[in-house]
Amino acid sequence: MITLFLLGHAGGSASMYPALFPNLSSRVQLVPLDLPGHGQRMGEALLDNIPDMVADLQCQVEAYVDGNKNDYALFGHSMGGILAYALTTALQETARMMPQHVIISSTCTPGRHHIAPQLPFLPDEELWVKSAGYFGGIQDQIVASRELMTLFVPILRTDLKAVLDWSPSPCEAVDVPMTVVCGDRDIVDEADVLVWRRYTTEDFVSSVLPGGHFHVLERPSGVETVLKNTLGQYVSGHGNCSAAYDPRES
């Protein structure tokens, strides 16, 4: 058994990700890690910087690992990819049980990004519409909903600011194998993906999948295949993945 922790994109919830990958091995347990103010933790105060987000995620992972002793891997899309890498460096610094693998999707390396600096400072409606147009993959009816805009713009704005404000240490390689993917119509391109090679001392695999920046939502079978191939070396068996576990219930 291996646990795959799922880390979500800016403005989103990791809790939506397990349903995207219904055909993983039954020996892969999908565990979404929502940040405060996101998804199942919507009632909590938002965190406005990457270090605090990482500290929250580290507490969740360590509590789970201490209680279950399963091997685990990390998957993060967009901002979730930044968090997956930063969490791995934090775990490495504290000599905690390290992930078996880190899988990063549509994410530039630390200190690099394709977010326009003015984007988080736009008025609500302009931020909502321009973000949808820039990142793509958002259904028109969602963009047209003022109720959803009112709910999610504060989350999106806070997350985007956190990404832009993050000033990480110079290239810090992790001692964990890494797989990095992007879409073939993504704002994060193959050249961006290949820079990640410097950030691991172990095996590195890259792949370009069909789709835009939100290829994981538009065509999740591409990422699911990558997860199957990547995690297959750690588990055996077939069938549907096990039910998602909520680390806050332990």
Protein backbone atom coordinates (compact mmCIF):
# COMPACT_ATOMS: atom_id res chain seq x y z
CA MET A 1 0.00 0.00 0.00
CA ILE A 2 1.15 3.51 -0.78
CA THR A 3 -0.61 6.74 0.11
CA LEU A 4 -0.75 9.51 -2.50
CA PHE A 5 -1.25 12.92 -0.92
CA LEU A 6 -2.97 15.35 -3.29
CA LEU A 7 -2.25 19.10 -3.22
CA GLY A 8 -4.56 21.48 -5.06
CA HIS A 9 -4.20 24.49 -7.34
CA ALA A 10 -4.60 28.15 -6.38
CA GLY A 11 -8.18 28.95 -5.44
CA GLY A 12 -9.15 25.28 -5.55
CA SER A 13 -9.61 22.30 -3.29
CA ALA A 14 -7.57 19.11 -3.18
CA SER A 15 -10.79 17.29 -2.28
CA MET A 16 -11.89 17.37 -5.92
CA TYR A 17 -8.88 15.36 -7.12
CA PRO A 18 -9.63 11.77 -5.96
CA ALA A 19 -12.65 11.53 -8.28
CA LEU A 20 -10.38 12.31 -11.26
CA PHE A 21 -8.39 9.10 -10.85
CA PRO A 22 -10.89 6.22 -10.45
CA ASN A 23 -8.75 3.53 -12.06
CA LEU A 24 -5.64 3.52 -9.90
CA SER A 25 -4.59 0.35 -8.11
CA SER A 26 -6.51 -0.60 -4.98
CA ARG A 27 -3.11 -0.39 -3.28
CA VAL A 28 -2.99 3.37 -3.83
CA GLN A 29 -4.84 5.34 -1.18
CA LEU A 30 -5.73 8.88 -2.28
CA VAL A 31 -5.58 11.48 0.48
CA PRO A 32 -6.46 15.10 -0.43
CA LEU A 33 -4.79 17.71 1.77
CA ASP A 34 -6.86 20.88 1.87
CA LEU A 35 -5.38 24.09 3.19
CA PRO A 36 -7.29 26.29 5.67
CA GLY A 37 -10.01 28.20 3.84
CA HIS A 38 -10.20 25.62 1.05
CA GLY A 39 -12.59 22.75 0.40
CA GLN A 40 -13.48 20.84 3.56
CA ARG A 41 -11.70 23.52 5.63
CA MET A 42 -13.58 26.45 4.11
CA GLY A 43 -14.55 27.81 7.52
CA GLU A 44 -10.93 28.31 8.61
CA ALA A 45 -8.88 31.45 8.06
CA LEU A 46 -6.81 31.53 4.87
CA LEU A 47 -3.03 31.34 5.03
CA ASP A 48 -1.34 34.09 3.03
CA ASN A 49 2.18 32.73 2.54
CA ILE A 50 3.85 29.56 1.31
CA PRO A 51 5.85 28.79 4.50
CA ASP A 52 2.68 28.75 6.62
CA MET A 53 0.92 26.60 4.03
CA VAL A 54 3.82 24.15 4.06
CA ALA A 55 3.83 24.03 7.87
CA ASP A 56 0.12 23.17 7.85
CA LEU A 57 0.61 20.45 5.24
CA GLN A 58 3.62 19.06 7.09
CA CYS A 59 1.54 18.65 10.25
CA GLN A 60 -1.11 16.76 8.27
CA VAL A 61 1.41 14.47 6.59
CA GLU A 62 3.40 13.75 9.74
CA ALA A 63 0.24 12.94 11.72
CA TYR A 64 -0.85 10.50 9.03
CA VAL A 65 2.56 8.87 8.58
CA ASP A 66 3.12 8.53 12.32
CA GLY A 67 -0.21 6.75 12.65
CA ASN A 68 -0.11 4.53 9.58
CA LYS A 69 3.54 3.91 8.66
CA ASN A 70 2.61 3.56 4.97
CA ASP A 71 5.00 4.64 2.26
CA TYR A 72 3.69 7.76 0.58
CA ALA A 73 4.09 10.01 -2.46
CA LEU A 74 3.05 13.58 -3.23
CA PHE A 75 1.11 14.93 -6.21
CA GLY A 76 0.56 18.64 -6.72
CA HIS A 77 -0.94 20.62 -9.59
CA SER A 78 0.05 24.26 -10.28
CA MET A 79 0.36 25.90 -6.83
CA GLY A 80 0.06 22.38 -5.45
CA GLY A 81 3.29 21.51 -7.25
CA ILE A 82 5.09 24.35 -5.48
CA LEU A 83 3.73 23.09 -2.19
CA ALA A 84 4.72 19.49 -2.95
CA TYR A 85 8.32 20.54 -3.58
CA ALA A 86 8.48 22.94 -0.61
CA LEU A 87 6.95 20.31 1.67
CA THR A 88 9.56 17.78 0.57
CA THR A 89 12.39 20.20 1.35
CA ALA A 90 10.86 20.87 4.79
CA LEU A 91 10.61 17.15 5.51
CA GLN A 92 14.19 16.65 4.34
CA GLU A 93 15.45 19.41 6.64
CA THR A 94 13.76 17.83 9.66
CA ALA A 95 14.85 14.28 8.76
CA ARG A 96 11.26 13.05 8.74
CA MET A 97 10.06 10.07 6.73
CA MET A 98 10.45 11.19 3.13
CA PRO A 99 8.04 10.57 0.24
CA GLN A 100 8.89 7.78 -2.17
CA HIS A 101 8.19 10.06 -5.12
CA VAL A 102 7.10 13.62 -5.92
CA ILE A 103 4.83 14.17 -8.95
CA ILE A 104 4.47 17.79 -10.06
CA SER A 105 2.00 19.03 -12.67
CA SER A 106 2.06 22.34 -14.56
CA THR A 107 4.36 24.14 -12.15
CA CYS A 108 7.43 26.30 -12.72
CA THR A 109 10.47 25.84 -10.51
CA PRO A 110 10.76 27.95 -7.33
CA GLY A 111 11.15 31.64 -8.01
CA ARG A 112 9.83 31.32 -11.58
CA HIS A 113 6.19 31.66 -12.59
CA HIS A 114 3.90 32.81 -15.38
CA ILE A 115 1.55 34.84 -13.18
CA ALA A 116 1.25 38.50 -14.21
CA PRO A 117 2.35 40.50 -11.13
CA GLN A 118 -0.72 42.74 -11.26
CA LEU A 119 -3.22 39.86 -11.45
CA PRO A 120 -3.93 39.45 -7.70
CA PHE A 121 -4.48 43.21 -7.35
CA LEU A 122 -7.23 43.54 -9.95
CA PRO A 123 -10.85 44.26 -8.92
CA ASP A 124 -12.83 41.13 -8.09
CA GLU A 125 -14.68 40.67 -11.36
CA GLU A 126 -11.65 41.47 -13.49
CA LEU A 127 -9.48 39.06 -11.49
CA TRP A 128 -12.10 36.32 -11.84
CA VAL A 129 -12.56 36.72 -15.59
CA LYS A 130 -8.90 37.28 -16.46
CA SER A 131 -7.74 34.33 -14.34
CA ALA A 132 -10.22 32.08 -16.11
CA GLY A 133 -9.04 33.30 -19.50
CA TYR A 134 -5.36 33.12 -18.63
CA PHE A 135 -5.26 29.70 -17.00
CA GLY A 136 -8.09 28.20 -19.07
CA GLY A 137 -10.05 25.07 -18.29
CA ILE A 138 -12.85 26.89 -16.42
CA GLN A 139 -16.40 26.32 -17.67
CA ASP A 140 -18.28 29.39 -18.91
CA GLN A 141 -21.16 28.87 -16.48
CA ILE A 142 -18.72 28.96 -13.57
CA VAL A 143 -17.15 32.19 -14.80
CA ALA A 144 -20.62 33.71 -15.22
CA SER A 145 -21.69 32.91 -11.64
CA ARG A 146 -21.43 35.93 -9.37
CA GLU A 147 -22.11 33.71 -6.36
CA LEU A 148 -19.07 31.57 -7.13
CA MET A 149 -17.03 34.67 -7.88
CA THR A 150 -17.89 36.13 -4.48
CA LEU A 151 -16.99 32.86 -2.77
CA PHE A 152 -13.75 32.02 -4.55
CA VAL A 153 -12.09 35.34 -5.49
CA PRO A 154 -10.76 35.98 -1.95
CA ILE A 155 -9.25 32.48 -1.92
CA LEU A 156 -7.77 32.86 -5.40
CA ARG A 157 -6.39 36.32 -4.65
CA THR A 158 -4.71 35.16 -1.43
CA ASP A 159 -3.19 32.09 -3.09
CA LEU A 160 -1.85 34.02 -6.08
CA LYS A 161 -0.27 36.63 -3.81
CA ALA A 162 1.37 33.87 -1.78
CA VAL A 163 2.92 32.37 -4.91
CA LEU A 164 4.16 35.76 -6.14
CA ASP A 165 5.56 36.73 -2.73
CA TRP A 166 7.43 33.48 -2.12
CA SER A 167 11.21 33.97 -2.09
CA PRO A 168 12.68 30.47 -1.74
CA SER A 169 16.30 29.59 -1.14
CA PRO A 170 18.47 29.04 -4.21
CA CYS A 171 18.01 25.68 -5.94
CA GLU A 172 17.71 23.06 -3.21
CA ALA A 173 17.71 19.53 -4.58
CA VAL A 174 15.66 16.89 -2.79
CA ASP A 175 16.76 13.28 -2.38
CA VAL A 176 13.53 11.96 -3.86
CA PRO A 177 12.69 10.77 -7.41
CA MET A 178 10.65 13.35 -9.31
CA THR A 179 8.17 13.23 -12.18
CA VAL A 180 7.04 16.50 -13.76
CA VAL A 181 4.35 16.97 -16.41
CA CYS A 182 2.64 19.80 -18.28
CA GLY A 183 0.02 20.16 -21.01
CA ASP A 184 0.88 20.68 -24.66
CA ARG A 185 -1.16 23.94 -24.59
CA ASP A 186 -0.05 24.89 -21.09
CA ILE A 187 1.34 28.23 -19.94
CA VAL A 188 3.99 26.06 -18.27
CA ASP A 189 5.84 24.48 -21.18
CA GLU A 190 8.32 21.65 -21.64
CA ALA A 191 11.30 23.97 -21.19
CA ASP A 192 9.91 24.98 -17.78
CA VAL A 193 9.40 21.33 -16.88
CA LEU A 194 12.97 20.34 -17.72
CA VAL A 195 14.41 22.92 -15.30
CA TRP A 196 13.06 20.74 -12.49
CA ARG A 197 15.85 18.25 -13.26
CA ARG A 198 18.15 20.40 -11.11
CA TYR A 199 15.86 19.99 -8.11
CA THR A 200 16.35 16.29 -7.47
CA THR A 201 19.41 14.14 -6.82
CA GLU A 202 17.43 11.05 -7.84
CA ASP A 203 15.67 9.86 -11.00
CA PHE A 204 13.83 12.46 -13.04
CA VAL A 205 11.07 11.81 -15.59
CA SER A 206 9.16 14.42 -17.60
CA SER A 207 6.13 14.20 -19.86
CA VAL A 208 3.96 16.49 -21.98
CA LEU A 209 0.26 15.56 -21.92
CA PRO A 210 -2.65 16.68 -24.10
CA GLY A 211 -4.41 19.79 -22.80
CA GLY A 212 -3.93 23.24 -21.34
CA HIS A 213 -2.91 24.38 -17.89
CA PHE A 214 -5.83 22.48 -16.35
CA HIS A 215 -5.26 19.31 -18.36
CA VAL A 216 -5.68 17.42 -15.07
CA LEU A 217 -9.33 18.55 -15.03
CA GLU A 218 -9.95 18.56 -18.78
CA ARG A 219 -8.34 15.17 -19.54
CA PRO A 220 -7.49 13.51 -16.22
CA SER A 221 -6.72 10.17 -17.85
CA GLY A 222 -3.33 11.58 -18.90
CA VAL A 223 -2.26 12.29 -15.34
CA GLU A 224 -3.87 9.06 -14.16
CA THR A 225 -1.66 7.10 -16.57
CA VAL A 226 1.42 8.93 -15.28
CA LEU A 227 0.39 8.08 -11.71
CA LYS A 228 -0.13 4.42 -12.62
CA ASN A 229 3.29 4.19 -14.25
CA THR A 230 5.02 6.10 -11.46
CA LEU A 231 3.42 4.39 -8.47
CA GLY A 232 3.42 0.96 -10.08
CA GLN A 233 7.04 0.49 -9.03
CA TYR A 234 5.99 0.80 -5.39
CA VAL A 235 2.81 -1.30 -5.39
CA SER A 236 1.29 -4.29 -7.11
CA GLY A 237 -2.32 -5.16 -7.75
CA HIS A 238 -5.17 -3.72 -9.74
CA GLY A 239 -8.66 -2.37 -9.22
CA ASN A 240 -10.19 0.81 -7.96
CA CYS A 241 -8.32 2.99 -5.53
CA SER A 242 -9.32 2.91 -1.90
CA ALA A 243 -11.58 5.55 -0.39
CA ALA A 244 -9.99 8.87 0.38
CA TYR A 245 -8.90 9.35 3.97
CA ASP A 246 -9.34 12.61 5.86
CA PRO A 247 -6.24 13.13 8.06
CA ARG A 248 -8.24 15.45 10.34
CA GLU A 249 -10.35 12.48 11.47
CA SER A 250 -7.42 10.75 13.18
